[in-house]
Amino acid sequence: MKKYYPATGLIISFFIALMGYVLRLNREDMRSSVLTFSSSVINAFLSWLLIQFLLQWRKPSGYGWKAVLAIAGCILISLLSFTITRPFSEVQHRMGAFANMRAVYFVLFMRGIVVGGFLFFIAYLFRMSAIGRQAELENERLKKENLQARLSLLQEQVSPHFLFNSLGTLRSMLHEKAPREFIQNLSDVYRYLLNNRMADLVVLKAELDFTQAYLHILNERFEDALITEINIAGSDLKKRLPPASLQLLVENAVKHNVATADAPLRISINTNDKGWLTVTNSIQKKNKVRDSQGSGLNNIRERYRLLAGLDIIVEETGTHFTVRIPLLT
C-alpha cells in the first residue's frame, strides 16, 4: 500500500508556507517574501515525502521510531533549505535580531521539529485511515467469498451424498474383488471430500490415505503406465496441511503429462527433515491441456498464504517437476 498522497502533501505544504507568510506580512519586501514562501513550500513538501517514505518503510516497525526519524529528517531538510536559500531567506533578513548563528540554527531546529511533528501526525492519520479502509474492503471480500462458497456447498450437497450412497449400494451388489476394491476406494475419496470440505487443515495421515485411494483409482485406469513411490516419515504423519493439497498435486501431474506403458509417468511423494512435503513427477508434457498448470498450484499457494502466511516452492528442470509444500504443526 504505497501511497504518498503528493497532491495532499502539496496542499498542506502550501498552507504551512501561507501561515508563515501571513506572520511576515509587511516585514519583508515583495521579492524576498515570495522567495521565502516558495522555499517554505518546497521545504514542507520534501518533509511530507520523507515522512510518507518512512511510514511505509519496513524498519523500524514501530511508529515511535518512525516519528523520531521523520522529525530528525525534517530538521535536516530545514537546515539544508536554509543553507541553499540563505542569501534571500526569512532568517537571513532578520539575522540582526539574533545574537549569533547559534540562535539562527536553534530557530531552524525548532521549525523542523514543529513542521515535522505536524506533518507526521497528518500523514499518520492518512495511513491509519487507508489501512482501515483496506481492512474493510478485505473483510467485505471475504464475506462475499464465504457466502458464495456456502451457496455452492448447498447447491452441490445433494449430488455427492447421492453418489456416495449409490456407490455403497453398487458395491454390495458385486462379488468380484477388483470392482469391489475400486468402488471402495472411490467411496473413500468421496467420504474424505464430504468430511473435510469445510476444514482448513487436516493431518497428513488422513490426506495420505485419501491420496492412496485416489491413486488406486488412477492405477485401474493407467495400469503400468503410472508408477508411484511414497516415502513419508512416521513423525510427519501428525502434521497438517490444507485438505486435498497432496491429491491436487498428483492430479496435476497426471493431467499435464502423458503416461504410457513404454514411458510410464513416475511420481515421488516424500518428506524431509525440515518439515516439507515434496511431490516430484517426470516431465512428459501433453500437447494440449484443458486447464492451465498454474490454476491448481495457485489454489494451494493462496490457501497457504491465507492460513499460515507461507508460500510453496515450485521447481522445474528439463526432466522433473517438483512442488514443495510446508507441513504445519
Protein backbone atom coordinates (compact mmCIF):
# COMPACT_ATOMS: atom_id res chain seq x y z
CA MET A 1 0.00 0.00 0.00
CA LYS A 2 2.48 2.62 -1.23
CA LYS A 3 0.56 5.90 -1.36
CA TYR A 4 2.46 9.15 -0.94
CA TYR A 5 -0.54 11.47 -1.45
CA PRO A 6 1.50 14.11 -3.36
CA ALA A 7 -1.48 16.35 -4.06
CA THR A 8 -2.49 16.34 -0.39
CA GLY A 9 1.11 17.00 0.67
CA LEU A 10 1.38 19.92 -1.74
CA ILE A 11 -1.82 21.50 -0.40
CA ILE A 12 -0.70 21.09 3.21
CA SER A 13 2.74 22.49 2.35
CA PHE A 14 1.12 25.48 0.68
CA PHE A 15 -0.94 26.29 3.77
CA ILE A 16 2.05 25.87 6.09
CA ALA A 17 4.02 28.32 3.96
CA LEU A 18 1.00 30.63 3.79
CA MET A 19 0.80 30.77 7.58
CA GLY A 20 4.44 31.84 7.71
CA TYR A 21 3.82 34.41 5.00
CA VAL A 22 0.93 35.95 6.98
CA LEU A 23 3.16 36.23 10.05
CA ARG A 24 5.82 38.02 7.97
CA LEU A 25 3.38 40.34 6.23
CA ASN A 26 4.71 43.91 5.90
CA ARG A 27 8.07 42.83 7.37
CA GLU A 28 9.85 41.95 4.10
CA ASP A 29 9.99 43.28 0.59
CA MET A 30 7.89 41.50 -2.03
CA ARG A 31 10.80 39.70 -3.74
CA SER A 32 12.22 38.25 -0.54
CA SER A 33 8.74 37.34 0.68
CA VAL A 34 7.89 35.40 -2.50
CA LEU A 35 11.23 33.58 -2.49
CA THR A 36 10.87 32.69 1.19
CA PHE A 37 7.30 31.50 0.60
CA SER A 38 8.46 29.24 -2.27
CA SER A 39 11.30 27.90 -0.14
CA SER A 40 8.86 27.09 2.68
CA VAL A 41 6.55 25.20 0.30
CA ILE A 42 9.44 23.10 -1.04
CA ASN A 43 10.76 22.53 2.48
CA ALA A 44 7.38 21.30 3.76
CA PHE A 45 6.68 19.19 0.65
CA LEU A 46 10.06 17.41 0.85
CA SER A 47 9.40 16.76 4.54
CA TRP A 48 6.00 15.30 3.63
CA LEU A 49 7.53 12.92 1.07
CA LEU A 50 10.21 11.84 3.56
CA ILE A 51 7.58 11.12 6.23
CA GLN A 52 5.45 9.12 3.77
CA PHE A 53 8.50 7.06 2.82
CA LEU A 54 9.39 6.36 6.45
CA LEU A 55 5.81 5.35 7.30
CA GLN A 56 5.92 2.71 4.56
CA TRP A 57 9.47 1.58 5.33
CA ARG A 58 9.56 -1.86 6.96
CA LYS A 59 12.21 -0.98 9.51
CA PRO A 60 11.86 0.30 12.11
CA SER A 61 8.47 -1.27 12.59
CA GLY A 62 7.35 0.92 15.50
CA TYR A 63 5.71 4.25 14.73
CA GLY A 64 7.55 5.89 17.64
CA TRP A 65 10.92 5.32 15.99
CA LYS A 66 9.48 6.34 12.64
CA ALA A 67 8.38 9.62 14.21
CA VAL A 68 11.87 10.24 15.63
CA LEU A 69 13.50 9.56 12.26
CA ALA A 70 10.88 11.68 10.46
CA ILE A 71 11.40 14.70 12.72
CA ALA A 72 15.20 14.33 12.50
CA GLY A 73 14.91 14.23 8.71
CA CYS A 74 12.67 17.32 8.70
CA ILE A 75 15.25 19.17 10.80
CA LEU A 76 17.98 18.28 8.29
CA ILE A 77 15.75 19.40 5.41
CA SER A 78 15.11 22.68 7.23
CA LEU A 79 18.86 23.27 7.73
CA LEU A 80 19.64 22.27 4.14
CA SER A 81 16.91 24.53 2.81
CA PHE A 82 18.31 27.48 4.78
CA THR A 83 21.84 26.79 3.54
CA ILE A 84 20.71 26.78 -0.10
CA THR A 85 18.39 29.80 0.18
CA ARG A 86 20.47 31.72 2.72
CA PRO A 87 21.02 34.85 0.59
CA PHE A 88 17.27 35.56 0.48
CA SER A 89 15.71 33.52 3.30
CA GLU A 90 13.44 34.80 6.01
CA VAL A 91 16.01 34.12 8.74
CA GLN A 92 18.78 35.82 6.79
CA HIS A 93 16.75 39.02 6.51
CA ARG A 94 16.24 39.10 10.25
CA MET A 95 19.61 37.80 11.44
CA GLY A 96 20.19 41.16 13.05
CA ALA A 97 17.62 40.20 15.65
CA PHE A 98 19.72 37.21 16.74
CA ALA A 99 22.83 37.33 18.84
CA ASN A 100 24.74 34.80 16.72
CA MET A 101 24.34 31.90 14.29
CA ARG A 102 23.57 29.51 17.14
CA ALA A 103 20.29 31.32 17.63
CA VAL A 104 19.60 31.05 13.90
CA TYR A 105 20.19 27.31 13.91
CA PHE A 106 18.06 26.97 17.03
CA VAL A 107 15.16 28.61 15.20
CA LEU A 108 15.70 26.30 12.22
CA PHE A 109 15.91 23.33 14.58
CA MET A 110 12.62 24.23 16.25
CA ARG A 111 10.96 24.86 12.88
CA GLY A 112 11.99 21.37 11.75
CA ILE A 113 10.51 19.85 14.91
CA VAL A 114 7.21 21.73 14.63
CA VAL A 115 6.77 21.18 10.88
CA GLY A 116 7.96 17.56 11.08
CA GLY A 117 5.73 16.72 14.04
CA PHE A 118 2.67 18.32 12.43
CA LEU A 119 3.23 16.61 9.07
CA PHE A 120 3.94 13.24 10.71
CA PHE A 121 0.68 13.46 12.64
CA ILE A 122 -1.30 14.25 9.47
CA ALA A 123 0.48 11.54 7.46
CA TYR A 124 -0.06 9.00 10.27
CA LEU A 125 -3.80 9.74 10.27
CA PHE A 126 -3.90 9.27 6.48
CA ARG A 127 -2.09 5.93 6.75
CA MET A 128 -4.31 4.61 9.54
CA SER A 129 -7.38 5.64 7.57
CA ALA A 130 -6.07 3.87 4.45
CA ILE A 131 -5.26 0.70 6.43
CA GLY A 132 -8.73 0.78 7.95
CA ARG A 133 -10.37 1.12 4.54
CA GLN A 134 -8.23 -1.71 3.17
CA ALA A 135 -9.22 -3.94 6.09
CA GLU A 136 -12.89 -3.14 5.50
CA LEU A 137 -12.58 -3.97 1.80
CA GLU A 138 -10.78 -7.23 2.64
CA ASN A 139 -13.50 -8.16 5.14
CA GLU A 140 -16.20 -7.44 2.58
CA ARG A 141 -14.37 -9.56 0.02
CA LEU A 142 -14.02 -12.46 2.47
CA LYS A 143 -17.71 -12.19 3.44
CA LYS A 144 -18.70 -12.27 -0.22
CA GLU A 145 -16.47 -15.27 -0.93
CA ASN A 146 -17.81 -17.03 2.16
CA LEU A 147 -21.40 -16.51 1.06
CA GLN A 148 -20.57 -17.74 -2.45
CA ALA A 149 -18.84 -20.81 -1.00
CA ARG A 150 -21.81 -21.59 1.24
CA LEU A 151 -24.18 -21.23 -1.70
CA SER A 152 -22.03 -23.56 -3.80
CA LEU A 153 -21.97 -26.11 -0.98
CA LEU A 154 -25.74 -26.02 -0.68
CA GLN A 155 -26.10 -26.46 -4.43
CA GLU A 156 -23.66 -29.38 -4.51
CA GLN A 157 -24.76 -31.11 -1.31
CA VAL A 158 -27.38 -33.37 -2.86
CA SER A 159 -25.21 -34.75 -5.68
CA PRO A 160 -22.18 -36.01 -3.64
CA HIS A 161 -24.36 -37.66 -0.98
CA PHE A 162 -26.49 -39.34 -3.60
CA LEU A 163 -23.42 -40.61 -5.45
CA PHE A 164 -21.75 -41.78 -2.24
CA ASN A 165 -24.83 -43.75 -1.16
CA SER A 166 -25.23 -45.19 -4.67
CA LEU A 167 -21.63 -46.42 -4.64
CA GLY A 168 -22.27 -48.24 -1.37
CA THR A 169 -25.33 -49.93 -2.87
CA LEU A 170 -23.42 -50.88 -6.04
CA ARG A 171 -20.57 -52.38 -4.00
CA SER A 172 -22.97 -54.62 -2.10
CA MET A 173 -24.29 -55.95 -5.41
CA LEU A 174 -20.87 -57.09 -6.68
CA HIS A 175 -18.96 -60.20 -5.70
CA GLU A 176 -15.70 -59.87 -7.65
CA LYS A 177 -12.76 -58.46 -5.69
CA ALA A 178 -11.40 -55.97 -8.26
CA PRO A 179 -14.60 -53.96 -8.83
CA ARG A 180 -15.40 -54.04 -5.10
CA GLU A 181 -11.97 -52.58 -4.29
CA PHE A 182 -12.39 -49.95 -6.99
CA ILE A 183 -15.77 -48.89 -5.65
CA GLN A 184 -14.46 -48.94 -2.08
CA ASN A 185 -11.61 -46.57 -2.97
CA LEU A 186 -13.96 -44.34 -4.91
CA SER A 187 -16.22 -44.23 -1.85
CA ASP A 188 -13.22 -43.37 0.35
CA VAL A 189 -12.38 -40.48 -1.96
CA TYR A 190 -15.88 -39.06 -1.74
CA ARG A 191 -16.10 -39.69 2.00
CA TYR A 192 -12.92 -37.69 2.54
CA LEU A 193 -14.17 -34.82 0.38
CA LEU A 194 -17.50 -34.72 2.18
CA ASN A 195 -15.97 -34.87 5.65
CA ASN A 196 -13.26 -32.27 5.07
CA ARG A 197 -14.72 -29.79 2.62
CA MET A 198 -15.27 -27.27 5.43
CA ALA A 199 -11.93 -27.94 7.19
CA ASP A 200 -8.99 -25.55 6.96
CA LEU A 201 -6.36 -28.18 7.82
CA VAL A 202 -6.18 -31.98 8.03
CA VAL A 203 -3.49 -34.32 9.33
CA LEU A 204 -1.08 -35.71 6.75
CA LYS A 205 -2.10 -39.31 7.64
CA ALA A 206 -5.70 -38.67 6.51
CA GLU A 207 -4.55 -36.79 3.41
CA LEU A 208 -2.18 -39.62 2.53
CA ASP A 209 -4.90 -42.28 2.91
CA PHE A 210 -7.15 -40.17 0.69
CA THR A 211 -4.42 -39.78 -1.93
CA GLN A 212 -3.66 -43.51 -1.91
CA ALA A 213 -7.35 -44.24 -2.54
CA TYR A 214 -7.22 -41.74 -5.40
CA LEU A 215 -4.05 -43.41 -6.75
CA HIS A 216 -5.77 -46.80 -6.68
CA ILE A 217 -8.44 -45.42 -9.00
CA LEU A 218 -5.76 -43.95 -11.29
CA ASN A 219 -3.88 -47.26 -11.37
CA GLU A 220 -7.00 -49.03 -12.61
CA ARG A 221 -7.02 -46.56 -15.47
CA PHE A 222 -3.31 -46.36 -16.29
CA GLU A 223 -2.13 -49.78 -15.02
CA ASP A 224 1.66 -49.98 -15.53
CA ALA A 225 1.80 -46.50 -17.07
CA LEU A 226 1.77 -44.86 -13.64
CA ILE A 227 4.47 -45.59 -11.05
CA THR A 228 4.25 -44.01 -7.61
CA GLU A 229 6.82 -44.01 -4.82
CA ILE A 230 5.82 -42.86 -1.33
CA ASN A 231 8.31 -42.26 1.47
CA ILE A 232 6.76 -40.42 4.41
CA ALA A 233 8.45 -40.23 7.79
CA GLY A 234 6.27 -41.51 10.62
CA SER A 235 6.93 -38.36 12.65
CA ASP A 236 5.34 -36.25 9.88
CA LEU A 237 2.03 -38.11 9.75
CA LYS A 238 0.52 -35.97 12.53
CA LYS A 239 1.47 -32.69 10.88
CA ARG A 240 -1.17 -30.75 8.99
CA LEU A 241 -1.83 -29.30 5.56
CA PRO A 242 -4.82 -27.89 3.65
CA PRO A 243 -7.21 -30.69 2.58
CA ALA A 244 -6.74 -32.18 -0.90
CA SER A 245 -3.39 -30.42 -1.39
CA LEU A 246 -1.44 -33.65 -1.94
CA GLN A 247 -4.17 -35.15 -4.13
CA LEU A 248 -4.26 -31.98 -6.22
CA LEU A 249 -0.51 -32.18 -6.86
CA VAL A 250 -0.88 -35.79 -8.01
CA GLU A 251 -3.85 -34.84 -10.18
CA ASN A 252 -1.83 -32.04 -11.79
CA ALA A 253 0.99 -34.44 -12.60
CA VAL A 254 -1.39 -36.83 -14.33
CA LYS A 255 -3.37 -34.11 -16.06
CA HIS A 256 -0.39 -32.37 -17.63
CA ASN A 257 1.74 -35.37 -18.64
CA VAL A 258 1.50 -38.37 -20.94
CA ALA A 259 1.59 -41.80 -19.28
CA THR A 260 2.13 -44.94 -21.36
CA ALA A 261 3.42 -48.43 -20.70
CA ASP A 262 6.57 -47.67 -22.73
CA ALA A 263 7.13 -44.33 -20.97
CA PRO A 264 5.45 -44.53 -17.55
CA LEU A 265 4.80 -41.39 -15.56
CA ARG A 266 6.73 -41.51 -12.29
CA ILE A 267 5.50 -39.66 -9.19
CA SER A 268 7.51 -39.47 -5.99
CA ILE A 269 5.99 -38.34 -2.66
CA ASN A 270 8.24 -37.82 0.35
CA THR A 271 9.04 -35.59 3.32
CA ASN A 272 12.32 -34.18 4.56
CA ASP A 273 13.74 -33.30 7.98
CA LYS A 274 12.81 -29.64 7.50
CA GLY A 275 9.09 -30.40 7.59
CA TRP A 276 8.33 -30.08 3.88
CA LEU A 277 6.25 -32.42 1.74
CA THR A 278 7.69 -32.90 -1.75
CA VAL A 279 5.90 -34.19 -4.85
CA THR A 280 8.07 -34.80 -7.92
CA ASN A 281 6.96 -36.12 -11.28
CA SER A 282 8.76 -36.85 -14.52
CA ILE A 283 8.01 -34.39 -17.31
CA GLN A 284 6.24 -35.88 -20.34
CA LYS A 285 4.06 -32.94 -21.28
CA LYS A 286 0.88 -33.25 -23.28
CA ASN A 287 0.48 -31.13 -26.39
CA LYS A 288 -2.81 -29.64 -25.20
CA VAL A 289 -4.14 -29.35 -21.67
CA ARG A 290 -7.63 -28.14 -20.92
CA ASP A 291 -6.69 -26.22 -17.75
CA SER A 292 -3.52 -24.25 -17.17
CA GLN A 293 -0.75 -25.65 -15.00
CA GLY A 294 -0.96 -22.71 -12.62
CA SER A 295 -4.60 -22.93 -11.53
CA GLY A 296 -4.18 -25.81 -9.08
CA LEU A 297 -0.88 -24.52 -7.75
CA ASN A 298 -2.32 -21.06 -7.28
CA ASN A 299 -5.16 -22.59 -5.29
CA ILE A 300 -2.71 -24.28 -2.92
CA ARG A 301 -0.49 -21.19 -2.76
CA GLU A 302 -3.42 -18.94 -1.87
CA ARG A 303 -4.64 -21.29 0.87
CA TYR A 304 -1.19 -21.39 2.46
CA ARG A 305 -0.96 -17.61 2.27
CA LEU A 306 -4.31 -17.10 3.99
CA LEU A 307 -3.92 -19.84 6.59
CA ALA A 308 -0.27 -19.55 7.58
CA GLY A 309 1.33 -16.66 5.67
CA LEU A 310 3.65 -19.15 3.93
CA ASP A 311 4.43 -19.93 0.31
CA ILE A 312 5.09 -23.11 -1.64
CA ILE A 313 8.19 -23.84 -3.72
CA VAL A 314 7.89 -24.83 -7.39
CA GLU A 315 10.92 -26.08 -9.32
CA GLU A 316 11.11 -27.33 -12.91
CA THR A 317 14.08 -28.87 -14.70
CA GLY A 318 14.28 -30.43 -18.11
CA THR A 319 13.21 -33.81 -16.75
CA HIS A 320 11.33 -33.27 -13.49
CA PHE A 321 8.67 -31.01 -12.00
CA THR A 322 8.79 -30.58 -8.21
CA VAL A 323 6.45 -28.88 -5.74
CA ARG A 324 7.32 -28.47 -2.06
CA ILE A 325 4.66 -27.50 0.47
CA PRO A 326 5.28 -26.84 4.18
CA LEU A 327 3.72 -29.12 6.77
CA LEU A 328 2.12 -27.24 9.64
CA THR A 329 2.28 -28.16 13.32
